[in-house]
Amino acid sequence: MPEVSRIDRARFNMVQQQVRPWDVSDDRVLTALAEVPRESFVPDAYRSLAYADIEVPIAAGRVMLAPKIVGRLLQAVQPQPGDKALTIGADNGYLAACLAHLGARVLCLEDDPDLAREAENRLVGVAASGIEVRVEDGLAAPVVGGPFDVIAVTGSVPTDEPVAALQAQLAADGRLFVVVGQAPVMEALLVTRVGTRDFRRQALFETCAVPLAQVPEPDAFVF
């Protein structure tokens, strides 16, 4: 069987057997995942695992989010054509490509220059448009270019402090996806701006995600 056919079948199975059963029913999101070539974003050594139900290792201790997590993320933040989206962590460019496929204009921040360059090269390789990759710590200060309609964090943060800093950069009705907590139990949250100073916070699901590299873990309490 030709390789293209195998890849197409693997992508179809990913959507139908992994993503859809994980409570992802939004047709726009399912179509985006079916059309964005995930195999073009995984490291070459893991190309055969592009559509497996795993977090694919990238480099420097980072991983690409599992497909079902990307599906739940996209369904939660509901990117619309013309939305201004911000991703914290490059995810090798895959999440940014999915957001752009759904019509958003994407600013992708990555504090590791090598990972940022890798993401940019892979985005160029699939001719993705409407995406800017910038080497920057997205949690160090308010991001130039905001406020944003969508903010998505590709790694977990240990406390609510980064969440407060990010939600302050949401536009009216803006949506933030972030995983908060420490292993073994963390919680994926959707935060929506509902007023000038008011936010609605919704717990989506429990998970355990690799920490965002630039966020220091709090010191453990010692008796």
Protein backbone atom coordinates (compact mmCIF):
# COMPACT_ATOMS: atom_id res chain seq x y z
CA MET A 1 0.00 0.00 0.00
CA PRO A 2 1.47 3.43 -0.90
CA GLU A 3 2.75 5.50 2.02
CA VAL A 4 0.28 8.31 1.37
CA SER A 5 -2.62 5.90 1.73
CA ARG A 6 -1.22 4.56 5.01
CA ILE A 7 -0.82 8.08 6.37
CA ASP A 8 -4.31 9.08 5.29
CA ARG A 9 -5.72 5.97 6.98
CA ALA A 10 -3.74 6.63 10.16
CA ARG A 11 -4.99 10.23 10.28
CA PHE A 12 -8.58 9.07 9.74
CA ASN A 13 -8.22 6.51 12.53
CA MET A 14 -6.75 9.13 14.85
CA VAL A 15 -9.79 11.35 14.40
CA GLN A 16 -12.38 8.58 14.57
CA GLN A 17 -10.84 6.29 17.20
CA GLN A 18 -8.93 8.67 19.47
CA VAL A 19 -10.25 12.20 19.19
CA ARG A 20 -13.98 11.76 18.56
CA PRO A 21 -14.49 9.23 21.40
CA TRP A 22 -12.84 11.71 23.77
CA ASP A 23 -15.91 13.97 23.61
CA VAL A 24 -14.75 15.99 20.62
CA SER A 25 -17.81 16.49 18.42
CA ASP A 26 -17.13 19.86 16.78
CA ASP A 27 -17.08 19.20 13.04
CA ARG A 28 -14.74 22.12 12.33
CA VAL A 29 -12.19 20.78 14.81
CA LEU A 30 -12.46 17.22 13.50
CA THR A 31 -12.01 18.44 9.94
CA ALA A 32 -8.93 20.48 10.90
CA LEU A 33 -7.34 17.46 12.57
CA ALA A 34 -8.16 15.37 9.52
CA GLU A 35 -6.56 17.87 7.15
CA VAL A 36 -3.48 19.22 8.98
CA PRO A 37 -0.63 16.73 8.32
CA ARG A 38 0.57 15.88 11.84
CA GLU A 39 3.30 13.66 10.38
CA SER A 40 4.98 16.80 9.04
CA PHE A 41 5.46 18.15 12.58
CA VAL A 42 6.78 15.15 14.52
CA PRO A 43 10.56 14.56 14.63
CA ASP A 44 11.71 12.22 11.88
CA ALA A 45 12.57 9.47 14.37
CA TYR A 46 8.94 9.38 15.53
CA ARG A 47 7.23 9.76 12.16
CA SER A 48 5.67 6.29 12.45
CA LEU A 49 4.06 7.39 15.74
CA ALA A 50 2.61 10.64 14.38
CA TYR A 51 -0.95 9.40 14.83
CA ALA A 52 -0.49 7.28 17.94
CA ASP A 53 -2.34 8.18 21.13
CA ILE A 54 0.80 9.49 22.84
CA GLU A 55 2.74 12.66 23.56
CA VAL A 56 5.56 12.60 21.01
CA PRO A 57 8.97 13.69 22.39
CA ILE A 58 10.41 16.77 20.69
CA ALA A 59 13.62 17.93 22.41
CA ALA A 60 14.82 19.49 25.64
CA GLY A 61 12.30 17.47 27.63
CA ARG A 62 9.36 18.84 25.63
CA VAL A 63 6.60 16.87 23.94
CA MET A 64 3.92 17.42 21.33
CA LEU A 65 0.47 17.27 22.87
CA ALA A 66 -1.43 14.03 22.27
CA PRO A 67 -4.00 14.31 19.44
CA LYS A 68 -7.01 13.95 21.75
CA ILE A 69 -5.72 16.80 23.95
CA VAL A 70 -5.32 19.01 20.88
CA GLY A 71 -8.89 18.14 19.91
CA ARG A 72 -10.30 19.05 23.32
CA LEU A 73 -8.22 22.23 23.38
CA LEU A 74 -9.45 23.41 19.98
CA GLN A 75 -13.04 22.56 20.82
CA ALA A 76 -12.78 24.50 24.08
CA VAL A 77 -11.26 27.72 22.70
CA GLN A 78 -13.42 27.72 19.53
CA PRO A 79 -11.08 29.67 17.21
CA GLN A 80 -13.01 31.70 14.63
CA PRO A 81 -11.86 33.23 11.34
CA GLY A 82 -9.99 36.44 12.09
CA ASP A 83 -9.39 35.63 15.76
CA LYS A 84 -6.05 36.66 17.20
CA ALA A 85 -4.51 33.60 18.84
CA LEU A 86 -1.46 33.19 21.08
CA THR A 87 0.28 29.90 21.84
CA ILE A 88 2.76 29.59 24.70
CA GLY A 89 5.15 26.82 23.69
CA ALA A 90 5.72 25.91 20.05
CA ASP A 91 4.48 22.26 20.03
CA ASN A 92 6.70 21.92 16.91
CA GLY A 93 4.21 24.19 15.12
CA TYR A 94 1.35 21.67 15.03
CA LEU A 95 -1.07 23.48 17.33
CA ALA A 96 -0.40 26.77 15.57
CA ALA A 97 -1.09 25.08 12.22
CA CYS A 98 -4.42 23.74 13.51
CA LEU A 99 -5.44 27.17 14.84
CA ALA A 100 -4.50 28.81 11.54
CA HIS A 101 -6.43 26.13 9.62
CA LEU A 102 -9.49 27.21 11.61
CA GLY A 103 -8.95 30.80 10.50
CA ALA A 104 -7.02 32.36 13.39
CA ARG A 105 -4.00 34.63 13.06
CA VAL A 106 -1.44 32.99 15.32
CA LEU A 107 1.49 34.28 17.35
CA CYS A 108 3.54 31.31 18.57
CA LEU A 109 5.96 32.04 21.42
CA GLU A 110 8.80 29.68 22.30
CA ASP A 111 11.63 30.53 24.71
CA ASP A 112 14.01 27.88 23.29
CA PRO A 113 15.57 29.25 20.07
CA ASP A 114 16.21 25.77 18.65
CA LEU A 115 12.60 24.67 19.20
CA ALA A 116 11.32 27.94 17.74
CA ARG A 117 13.47 27.44 14.63
CA GLU A 118 12.26 23.84 14.31
CA ALA A 119 8.62 24.91 14.51
CA GLU A 120 9.15 27.68 11.97
CA ASN A 121 10.86 25.31 9.52
CA ARG A 122 8.07 22.75 9.81
CA LEU A 123 5.40 25.41 9.29
CA VAL A 124 7.22 26.60 6.18
CA GLY A 125 7.38 22.98 5.02
CA VAL A 126 3.59 22.70 4.95
CA ALA A 127 3.15 26.24 3.56
CA ALA A 128 1.17 27.33 6.64
CA SER A 129 0.18 30.99 6.58
CA GLY A 130 -0.99 33.50 9.14
CA ILE A 131 1.52 32.33 11.78
CA GLU A 132 4.39 34.21 13.40
CA VAL A 133 6.94 32.31 15.52
CA ARG A 134 8.81 34.45 18.03
CA VAL A 135 11.59 33.53 20.48
CA GLU A 136 10.16 34.84 23.73
CA ASP A 137 9.13 33.77 27.22
CA GLY A 138 5.38 34.19 27.01
CA LEU A 139 5.01 34.36 30.79
CA ALA A 140 7.71 36.92 31.54
CA ALA A 141 5.59 39.99 30.72
CA PRO A 142 2.44 40.98 28.82
CA VAL A 143 2.86 39.92 25.18
CA VAL A 144 3.14 42.65 22.59
CA GLY A 145 0.26 42.35 20.14
CA GLY A 146 -2.54 41.61 22.59
CA PRO A 147 -5.22 41.38 23.68
CA PHE A 148 -5.95 37.93 22.25
CA ASP A 149 -9.18 36.12 21.41
CA VAL A 150 -7.53 32.76 22.08
CA ILE A 151 -4.60 31.80 24.30
CA ALA A 152 -3.39 28.19 24.47
CA VAL A 153 -0.60 26.91 26.71
CA THR A 154 1.08 23.70 25.50
CA GLY A 155 2.61 22.74 28.87
CA SER A 156 1.28 22.68 32.40
CA VAL A 157 1.78 25.41 35.01
CA PRO A 158 2.02 24.52 38.71
CA THR A 159 -0.11 27.30 40.21
CA ASP A 160 -2.77 29.87 39.33
CA GLU A 161 -0.27 32.74 39.17
CA PRO A 162 0.53 32.30 35.44
CA VAL A 163 -3.19 31.83 34.75
CA ALA A 164 -3.96 35.26 36.20
CA ALA A 165 -1.25 36.86 34.06
CA LEU A 166 -2.53 35.22 30.90
CA GLN A 167 -6.25 35.81 31.43
CA ALA A 168 -5.52 39.51 31.83
CA GLN A 169 -4.40 39.47 28.16
CA LEU A 170 -7.71 38.12 26.86
CA ALA A 171 -9.92 40.27 24.66
CA ALA A 172 -13.64 40.55 25.40
CA ASP A 173 -15.08 37.01 25.23
CA GLY A 174 -11.53 35.68 24.85
CA ARG A 175 -10.77 32.05 25.78
CA LEU A 176 -7.73 30.62 27.56
CA PHE A 177 -6.81 26.92 27.71
CA VAL A 178 -4.26 25.90 30.32
CA VAL A 179 -3.40 22.84 32.41
CA VAL A 180 -2.81 23.68 36.08
CA GLY A 181 -1.37 21.60 38.89
CA GLN A 182 1.36 19.13 39.70
CA ALA A 183 1.77 15.44 38.95
CA PRO A 184 0.11 13.05 39.26
CA VAL A 185 -3.14 15.02 38.96
CA MET A 186 -3.60 18.22 36.99
CA GLU A 187 -6.69 19.94 35.61
CA ALA A 188 -7.31 21.34 32.15
CA LEU A 189 -9.13 24.66 32.45
CA LEU A 190 -11.03 26.93 30.10
CA VAL A 191 -11.04 30.55 31.26
CA THR A 192 -13.35 32.97 29.43
CA ARG A 193 -13.36 36.74 29.81
CA VAL A 194 -16.96 37.77 30.51
CA GLY A 195 -16.37 41.38 31.57
CA THR A 196 -13.71 43.98 32.13
CA ARG A 197 -12.57 42.29 35.33
CA ASP A 198 -14.67 39.15 35.33
CA PHE A 199 -13.74 35.69 34.14
CA ARG A 200 -15.60 32.38 33.96
CA ARG A 201 -13.52 29.35 34.88
CA GLN A 202 -14.53 25.87 33.70
CA ALA A 203 -12.81 22.59 34.59
CA LEU A 204 -12.64 20.45 31.44
CA PHE A 205 -10.89 17.24 32.44
CA GLU A 206 -8.15 15.80 34.64
CA THR A 207 -4.83 15.04 33.01
CA CYS A 208 -1.08 15.05 33.61
CA ALA A 209 0.95 17.23 31.26
CA VAL A 210 4.65 17.99 30.92
CA PRO A 211 5.40 21.28 32.73
CA LEU A 212 6.05 24.39 30.69
CA ALA A 213 9.83 24.74 30.78
CA GLN A 214 9.94 28.41 31.75
CA VAL A 215 7.73 28.02 34.85
CA PRO A 216 9.67 26.99 37.96
CA GLU A 217 8.06 24.32 40.10
CA PRO A 218 7.15 25.49 43.62
CA ASP A 219 9.32 24.16 46.40
CA ALA A 220 7.92 21.00 47.95
CA PHE A 221 6.85 21.27 51.58
CA VAL A 222 9.21 19.42 53.93
CA PHE A 223 8.10 18.31 57.38
